[in-house]
Amino acid sequence: MNITPKSIIGDIKKKNGNINRVIFTGCGASMADLYPGYYFISHESKHLLSSIMQANEFNYDTPKDVNENTIVITASLGGSTPESVEATKHARELGAHVVTLSHVPNSAIINEAEYSLVHGFEEDYAHKTEKMTLALQLAIEIVNQFEGYDYYADAQKAFEGLFNLINQEANMVAPAAEEFATKYKDENTIYVLGSGASADVAYSTASFLFMEMQWISSPTIHSGEFFHGPFELALKDTPYLLFMSDGNTRHLDARAMAFLQRFDTKLTVIDAKDHGLASIASSNVIDYFNPILITGVMRVYAEKLAEARQHPLTQRRYMWKLENY
């Protein structure tokens, strides 16, 4: 049997047609990869409660209504993140239906889950987004199978064209990414903005590509919240990176961009519209595909920045080196 998001959710529904809550939980970049799935359910479902939690928060401050009527979706790239493995085990002990996403077959997190999907990573830029893609596919299946989703066919069409589009666009942005790397290689701070389903792409870029992998301080700002405090630091030549979505929250990003340009900041914009997202995704579903495309393209920018700084993306001070932390 070919295990897919559709078949997994179908099997859960056969066991329990009374699902009322979906929790996404993980750590670091894996938690951020789950965000589009959470965002989809929270915006499209009329009946399901959706939330996203850091794995250790789930372990130590578990919502009281986690039970057999709950689906918990967990993730860990290597499958061994202790907090995420424990969250997977904990959710099953509480009776929840647990689906996990990992790159490593037979890893600790997969062995604790009821259902699992193994995703790629090394193959190309598109596969670096596969965990996020699977999380969104699971979310769409949950809504469609438990209450119906009017734009299910639109979403499937977007999925069909997504990976080719990501690889096409990633392979075209090297000149822009090299320009970004040259401009920002000596910066100690880069502010990152985004909104909507892409809000956690801003978070993951800041926390992992910049802070973890490049040791660059990088505050994350929601584009809509920019005007409620953070815009006071928008000065000439202050470094900003803005992810602009194509869809309902584009106005938030455009408003922030206009302000940053007005005060002559050092601004780079990665715009899903420039990268042709509308060529595969209709206006009915486009919001949810922004973060996947932007993540794939941003990876090229991160690689070029690492080259310019002579600081490999794999270099760490603490991770993989300390046992007790």
Protein backbone atom coordinates (compact mmCIF):
# COMPACT_ATOMS: atom_id res chain seq x y z
CA MET A 1 0.00 0.00 0.00
CA ASN A 2 1.30 3.46 -0.93
CA ILE A 3 1.24 5.52 2.27
CA THR A 4 0.18 9.10 1.50
CA PRO A 5 -1.33 12.00 3.46
CA LYS A 6 -4.68 11.08 1.91
CA SER A 7 -4.50 7.43 2.95
CA ILE A 8 -3.33 8.29 6.47
CA ILE A 9 -6.16 10.71 7.14
CA GLY A 10 -8.61 8.28 5.54
CA ASP A 11 -7.49 5.56 7.94
CA ILE A 12 -7.82 7.89 10.94
CA LYS A 13 -11.34 8.79 9.84
CA LYS A 14 -12.29 5.11 9.64
CA LYS A 15 -11.13 4.68 13.23
CA ASN A 16 -12.71 7.89 14.52
CA GLY A 17 -15.02 10.23 12.66
CA ASN A 18 -15.26 12.61 15.61
CA ILE A 19 -11.91 14.39 15.34
CA ASN A 20 -12.25 17.90 16.76
CA ARG A 21 -8.69 19.10 17.27
CA VAL A 22 -5.39 19.11 15.34
CA ILE A 23 -2.12 19.98 17.06
CA PHE A 24 1.15 20.54 15.20
CA THR A 25 4.23 20.20 17.38
CA GLY A 26 8.00 20.15 16.89
CA CYS A 27 11.20 22.08 17.52
CA GLY A 28 13.15 24.61 15.53
CA ALA A 29 12.92 24.50 11.77
CA SER A 30 10.70 21.43 11.91
CA MET A 31 8.13 23.32 13.98
CA ALA A 32 8.30 26.19 11.50
CA ASP A 33 7.75 23.71 8.65
CA LEU A 34 4.47 22.68 10.28
CA TYR A 35 3.15 26.24 10.36
CA PRO A 36 1.47 26.29 6.90
CA GLY A 37 -0.54 23.22 7.90
CA TYR A 38 -1.66 24.87 11.12
CA TYR A 39 -2.43 28.10 9.26
CA PHE A 40 -4.55 26.30 6.67
CA ILE A 41 -6.76 24.55 9.22
CA SER A 42 -7.12 27.64 11.37
CA HIS A 43 -8.33 29.63 8.35
CA GLU A 44 -10.31 27.06 6.37
CA SER A 45 -11.96 24.79 8.91
CA LYS A 46 -15.34 25.69 10.38
CA HIS A 47 -15.23 23.06 13.11
CA LEU A 48 -11.69 21.95 13.91
CA LEU A 49 -9.56 23.64 16.55
CA SER A 50 -5.99 24.01 15.27
CA SER A 51 -2.89 24.95 17.25
CA ILE A 52 0.87 24.82 16.94
CA MET A 53 3.12 24.18 19.93
CA GLN A 54 6.80 23.88 20.67
CA ALA A 55 7.38 20.21 21.47
CA ASN A 56 8.68 20.65 25.00
CA GLU A 57 5.83 23.03 25.77
CA PHE A 58 3.49 20.29 24.64
CA ASN A 59 5.31 17.85 26.93
CA TYR A 60 5.27 20.04 30.03
CA ASP A 61 2.06 22.04 29.52
CA THR A 62 -0.15 19.68 27.53
CA PRO A 63 -3.62 20.92 26.55
CA LYS A 64 -6.13 19.10 28.73
CA ASP A 65 -8.36 17.94 25.89
CA VAL A 66 -5.77 15.87 23.98
CA ASN A 67 -7.43 12.50 23.53
CA GLU A 68 -8.73 10.04 20.95
CA ASN A 69 -10.49 12.90 19.15
CA THR A 70 -7.18 14.68 18.50
CA ILE A 71 -4.73 14.40 15.63
CA VAL A 72 -1.17 15.34 16.59
CA ILE A 73 1.33 15.96 13.78
CA THR A 74 5.00 15.97 14.80
CA ALA A 75 8.22 16.42 12.85
CA SER A 76 11.98 16.05 13.16
CA LEU A 77 14.39 16.19 10.25
CA GLY A 78 16.81 13.63 11.65
CA GLY A 79 14.13 11.89 13.68
CA SER A 80 16.06 12.07 16.94
CA THR A 81 15.20 15.46 18.48
CA PRO A 82 14.54 14.36 22.09
CA GLU A 83 11.72 16.82 22.80
CA SER A 84 9.89 15.91 19.59
CA VAL A 85 10.34 12.18 20.13
CA GLU A 86 8.91 12.59 23.63
CA ALA A 87 5.99 14.68 22.30
CA THR A 88 5.18 11.94 19.81
CA LYS A 89 5.26 9.30 22.55
CA HIS A 90 3.28 11.50 24.95
CA ALA A 91 0.54 12.20 22.40
CA ARG A 92 0.08 8.49 21.74
CA GLU A 93 -0.10 7.74 25.46
CA LEU A 94 -2.96 10.25 25.65
CA GLY A 95 -4.82 8.37 22.92
CA ALA A 96 -4.29 10.86 20.09
CA HIS A 97 -3.77 9.79 16.48
CA VAL A 98 -0.15 10.70 15.78
CA VAL A 99 1.44 11.36 12.40
CA THR A 100 5.13 12.19 12.18
CA LEU A 101 7.34 13.56 9.42
CA SER A 102 11.05 12.75 9.22
CA HIS A 103 13.84 12.40 6.71
CA VAL A 104 15.23 9.27 8.38
CA PRO A 105 13.41 5.92 8.10
CA ASN A 106 13.25 3.87 11.31
CA SER A 107 14.34 6.88 13.36
CA ALA A 108 13.30 7.27 16.98
CA ILE A 109 10.42 9.61 16.20
CA ILE A 110 9.02 7.32 13.48
CA ASN A 111 9.18 4.35 15.82
CA GLU A 112 7.01 6.23 18.34
CA ALA A 113 4.36 7.35 15.85
CA GLU A 114 1.18 5.65 14.70
CA TYR A 115 1.69 6.93 11.13
CA SER A 116 4.78 8.31 9.42
CA LEU A 117 5.86 9.92 6.18
CA VAL A 118 9.53 9.96 5.17
CA HIS A 119 10.52 13.01 3.12
CA GLY A 120 13.51 13.96 0.99
CA PHE A 121 16.00 16.75 1.58
CA GLU A 122 19.26 16.43 -0.31
CA GLU A 123 17.90 15.84 -3.82
CA ASP A 124 17.25 19.46 -4.81
CA TYR A 125 15.85 22.76 -3.54
CA ALA A 126 12.27 21.56 -3.85
CA HIS A 127 12.88 18.54 -1.64
CA LYS A 128 14.23 20.82 1.09
CA THR A 129 10.61 21.97 1.37
CA GLU A 130 9.04 18.50 1.32
CA LYS A 131 8.39 18.35 5.07
CA MET A 132 6.47 21.63 4.85
CA THR A 133 4.63 20.36 1.77
CA LEU A 134 3.57 17.16 3.52
CA ALA A 135 2.33 19.13 6.53
CA LEU A 136 0.14 21.23 4.25
CA GLN A 137 -1.09 18.14 2.40
CA LEU A 138 -2.07 16.52 5.70
CA ALA A 139 -3.92 19.66 6.76
CA ILE A 140 -5.84 19.86 3.49
CA GLU A 141 -6.77 16.18 3.72
CA ILE A 142 -8.01 16.64 7.29
CA VAL A 143 -10.30 19.51 6.36
CA ASN A 144 -11.49 17.90 3.14
CA GLN A 145 -12.19 14.46 4.59
CA PHE A 146 -13.78 15.59 7.84
CA GLU A 147 -15.89 18.49 6.60
CA GLY A 148 -15.23 19.12 2.89
CA TYR A 149 -13.03 21.69 1.18
CA ASP A 150 -14.42 23.50 -1.85
CA TYR A 151 -11.00 24.15 -3.40
CA TYR A 152 -9.46 20.72 -2.95
CA ALA A 153 -8.93 20.29 -6.71
CA ASP A 154 -7.22 23.70 -6.88
CA ALA A 155 -4.86 22.66 -4.11
CA GLN A 156 -3.99 19.37 -5.82
CA LYS A 157 -3.20 21.22 -9.04
CA ALA A 158 -0.87 23.54 -7.14
CA PHE A 159 0.91 20.60 -5.52
CA GLU A 160 1.42 19.03 -8.95
CA GLY A 161 3.33 22.06 -10.23
CA LEU A 162 5.01 23.13 -7.01
CA PHE A 163 8.32 21.24 -7.04
CA ASN A 164 9.09 22.05 -10.67
CA LEU A 165 8.40 25.72 -10.00
CA ILE A 166 10.64 25.78 -6.91
CA ASN A 167 13.56 24.18 -8.74
CA GLN A 168 13.06 26.42 -11.76
CA GLU A 169 13.07 29.59 -9.66
CA ALA A 170 15.88 28.47 -7.35
CA ASN A 171 18.06 27.79 -10.37
CA MET A 172 17.44 31.32 -11.69
CA VAL A 173 18.14 33.42 -8.57
CA ALA A 174 21.90 32.95 -8.21
CA PRO A 175 22.73 36.49 -9.46
CA ALA A 176 20.22 38.09 -7.07
CA ALA A 177 21.40 35.84 -4.23
CA GLU A 178 25.03 36.76 -4.88
CA GLU A 179 24.11 40.45 -4.81
CA PHE A 180 22.34 39.89 -1.49
CA ALA A 181 25.38 38.08 -0.09
CA THR A 182 27.74 40.87 -1.10
CA LYS A 183 25.49 43.53 0.44
CA TYR A 184 24.86 41.73 3.73
CA LYS A 185 27.98 39.66 4.40
CA ASP A 186 29.40 42.07 6.98
CA GLU A 187 26.16 42.77 8.82
CA ASN A 188 25.79 41.82 12.47
CA THR A 189 21.99 42.15 12.38
CA ILE A 190 19.37 41.45 9.71
CA TYR A 191 15.67 42.08 10.38
CA VAL A 192 13.30 39.61 8.68
CA LEU A 193 9.64 40.33 7.89
CA GLY A 194 6.75 38.22 6.62
CA SER A 195 3.03 37.67 7.08
CA GLY A 196 0.21 35.18 6.66
CA ALA A 197 1.22 31.58 6.07
CA SER A 198 4.78 32.86 5.48
CA ALA A 199 5.16 34.36 8.96
CA ASP A 200 7.11 31.36 10.18
CA VAL A 201 9.35 31.38 7.10
CA ALA A 202 10.49 34.75 8.39
CA TYR A 203 10.95 33.17 11.83
CA SER A 204 12.84 30.13 10.53
CA THR A 205 15.06 32.22 8.25
CA ALA A 206 15.96 34.48 11.15
CA SER A 207 16.39 31.82 13.81
CA PHE A 208 18.08 29.09 11.79
CA LEU A 209 19.62 30.31 8.54
CA PHE A 210 20.89 33.53 10.14
CA MET A 211 21.26 33.02 13.91
CA GLU A 212 22.02 29.31 14.06
CA MET A 213 23.94 28.85 10.82
CA GLN A 214 25.57 32.28 10.38
CA TRP A 215 25.65 33.70 13.93
CA ILE A 216 23.93 36.88 12.75
CA SER A 217 21.46 38.48 15.14
CA SER A 218 18.10 38.44 13.39
CA PRO A 219 14.86 39.69 14.95
CA THR A 220 11.67 38.46 13.29
CA ILE A 221 8.87 40.96 12.67
CA HIS A 222 5.36 40.22 11.43
CA SER A 223 4.75 42.63 8.56
CA GLY A 224 1.49 43.76 10.12
CA GLU A 225 3.16 44.35 13.50
CA PHE A 226 5.99 46.36 11.96
CA PHE A 227 4.01 49.58 12.45
CA HIS A 228 3.31 48.86 16.09
CA GLY A 229 6.77 49.50 17.49
CA PRO A 230 9.54 47.97 15.34
CA PHE A 231 9.38 50.61 12.58
CA GLU A 232 11.19 53.02 14.95
CA LEU A 233 14.44 51.23 14.05
CA ALA A 234 14.00 51.67 10.28
CA LEU A 235 16.95 53.94 9.51
CA LYS A 236 19.09 54.52 6.43
CA ASP A 237 21.10 51.40 5.53
CA THR A 238 19.55 49.24 8.27
CA PRO A 239 19.45 45.67 6.84
CA TYR A 240 16.03 44.14 6.17
CA LEU A 241 14.82 41.05 4.37
CA LEU A 242 11.12 41.01 3.46
CA PHE A 243 9.14 38.00 2.24
CA MET A 244 6.23 39.27 0.15
CA SER A 245 3.28 36.92 -0.28
CA ASP A 246 0.94 36.71 -3.25
CA GLY A 247 -2.54 36.59 -1.76
CA ASN A 248 -4.67 38.00 1.01
CA THR A 249 -1.90 39.35 3.23
CA ARG A 250 0.10 40.99 0.43
CA HIS A 251 -1.13 44.42 1.54
CA LEU A 252 0.65 43.97 4.89
CA ASP A 253 3.95 43.19 3.18
CA ALA A 254 3.56 45.97 0.60
CA ARG A 255 2.85 48.54 3.31
CA ALA A 256 6.03 47.52 5.18
CA MET A 257 8.05 47.58 1.95
CA ALA A 258 6.90 51.11 1.10
CA PHE A 259 7.93 52.36 4.53
CA LEU A 260 11.34 50.67 4.39
CA GLN A 261 11.98 52.16 0.95
CA ARG A 262 10.84 55.59 2.11
CA PHE A 263 13.58 55.70 4.74
CA ASP A 264 16.27 54.23 2.49
CA THR A 265 16.93 51.08 4.47
CA LYS A 266 19.06 48.29 3.04
CA LEU A 267 16.17 46.18 1.82
CA THR A 268 15.93 42.88 -0.05
CA VAL A 269 12.51 41.59 -1.10
CA ILE A 270 11.77 38.00 -2.08
CA ASP A 271 8.36 38.18 -3.72
CA ALA A 272 6.30 35.08 -4.51
CA LYS A 273 4.61 37.00 -7.32
CA ASP A 274 7.99 37.58 -8.99
CA HIS A 275 8.57 33.84 -8.84
CA GLY A 276 5.35 32.92 -10.60
CA LEU A 277 3.36 31.33 -7.82
CA ALA A 278 0.10 32.27 -9.53
CA SER A 279 1.10 30.12 -12.50
CA ILE A 280 0.37 26.98 -10.44
CA ALA A 281 -1.90 28.17 -7.61
CA SER A 282 -5.32 29.78 -8.02
CA SER A 283 -6.37 32.72 -5.89
CA ASN A 284 -8.47 30.29 -3.84
CA VAL A 285 -5.40 28.48 -2.45
CA ILE A 286 -2.38 30.65 -3.25
CA ASP A 287 -1.95 31.95 0.31
CA TYR A 288 -0.96 28.53 1.60
CA PHE A 289 1.72 27.88 -1.03
CA ASN A 290 3.71 31.09 -0.49
CA PRO A 291 5.87 29.75 2.34
CA ILE A 292 6.90 26.65 0.42
CA LEU A 293 8.06 28.54 -2.67
CA ILE A 294 9.77 31.25 -0.62
CA THR A 295 11.59 28.64 1.50
CA GLY A 296 13.01 26.95 -1.58
CA VAL A 297 14.21 30.21 -3.11
CA MET A 298 15.60 31.54 0.18
CA ARG A 299 17.88 28.53 0.51
CA VAL A 300 19.93 29.81 -2.45
CA TYR A 301 20.29 33.20 -0.75
CA ALA A 302 21.49 31.48 2.44
CA GLU A 303 24.05 29.41 0.56
CA LYS A 304 25.46 32.46 -1.22
CA LEU A 305 25.64 34.38 2.06
CA ALA A 306 27.52 31.51 3.69
CA GLU A 307 30.00 31.47 0.80
CA ALA A 308 30.55 35.23 0.99
CA ARG A 309 31.10 35.06 4.76
CA GLN A 310 33.28 31.94 4.48
CA HIS A 311 31.06 30.46 7.15
CA PRO A 312 29.55 27.10 6.09
CA LEU A 313 25.90 26.48 6.89
CA THR A 314 27.00 23.40 8.85
CA GLN A 315 29.29 25.32 11.24
CA ARG A 316 28.15 25.36 14.87
CA ARG A 317 29.41 26.41 18.29
CA TYR A 318 27.19 24.18 20.40
CA MET A 319 24.87 21.99 18.35
CA TRP A 320 26.21 18.47 17.83
CA LYS A 321 29.13 19.32 20.16
CA LEU A 322 27.59 19.56 23.64
CA GLU A 323 25.80 16.64 25.23
CA ASN A 324 24.24 18.42 28.20
CA TYR A 325 22.16 21.48 27.43
